[in-house]
Amino acid sequence: MSAPQWLIVPAAGRGTRMRAECPKQYLLLDDATVLACTLARLHDAFPEATLLLCLDAEDQWFHESMVPFARWQRLDGGDERADSVRAGIDWLADHAHVNDWVLVHDVARPCVTVADLHQLMDAIRHDPVGGLLAAPVTDTLKRQDSDQRVEATVPRQGLWRALTPQGFRYGVLRDAFMTALEARFLMTDEASGVEQLGHAPLLVTGRSDNLKITHPEDLALAGKILSAQRASVHLSLSDKESGHEPV
């Protein structure tokens, strides 16, 4: 199993759609914040990586105890997700080599599994560019007209939902951000910027329960997903200890 040298976690958002008293990364999942849960998953997979945590400069909720990494750096994030990631890319200019692996993961995705994190790195480790976790679209898709009525049904064959982490060589990611800035192109994710360079990032199938907490109801759902994942792990460990294979 290969591992990334660097992890960038943009966490400067204010989460206004959650209608909460604090940013969504500081809402609680059981007894831990969303941020702490997300960082714990990343640390479980890649404990030797260096974390670049991009926070609001005026963040009053963060505490260092939320970070499990031995090597990490706090950076000032920006108003948009891409601004925060760019802060990480800029910091790496004096620290990273062009072929170093950089993983970017949304702080609001605490349900990513260690298995998926390892699978992503195993899939891209020999790739000259990189790739991202993604899930094939399973819902029927509709395109709306100007009156918000159905204009057409969109074939879902070949369509994927982009997830995170997204992992790329530092040099590729740096060039993607430089090109996007010059062209005033809004990068909705790292892959979109890499695509603008003419590259085709690798799609690595990830679990559909890699939920991004965006709306109030997502927090409760994330809690249930984490509970189910923990129960599944405990069941697998019990089966191994008893000598039985999991069903």
Foldseek 3Di string as FASTA:
>chain_A
DDDFQEEEEEDAEQQVQAVDPGRQQQDDQVNGGLLLLQQVQVCVQHQNHEYEYAYAPPDPRDDPVSHPHPHYHYHHADHDSLRRVVRVLVVCVVPDDQQGKYWYAYSQQSLFHSVLVVQQCVVCVPPQWGAFEKAQDDDWDFDADPVRDGPDTDDSVPPIGTHDTTMTGSNLQSVLSVVCVVVVNDDPDSQVSSVVVVDDHDYDYGDPSSDGDRYNVVSVVVSVSVVVVVVVVVVCVVCVVVVHHDD
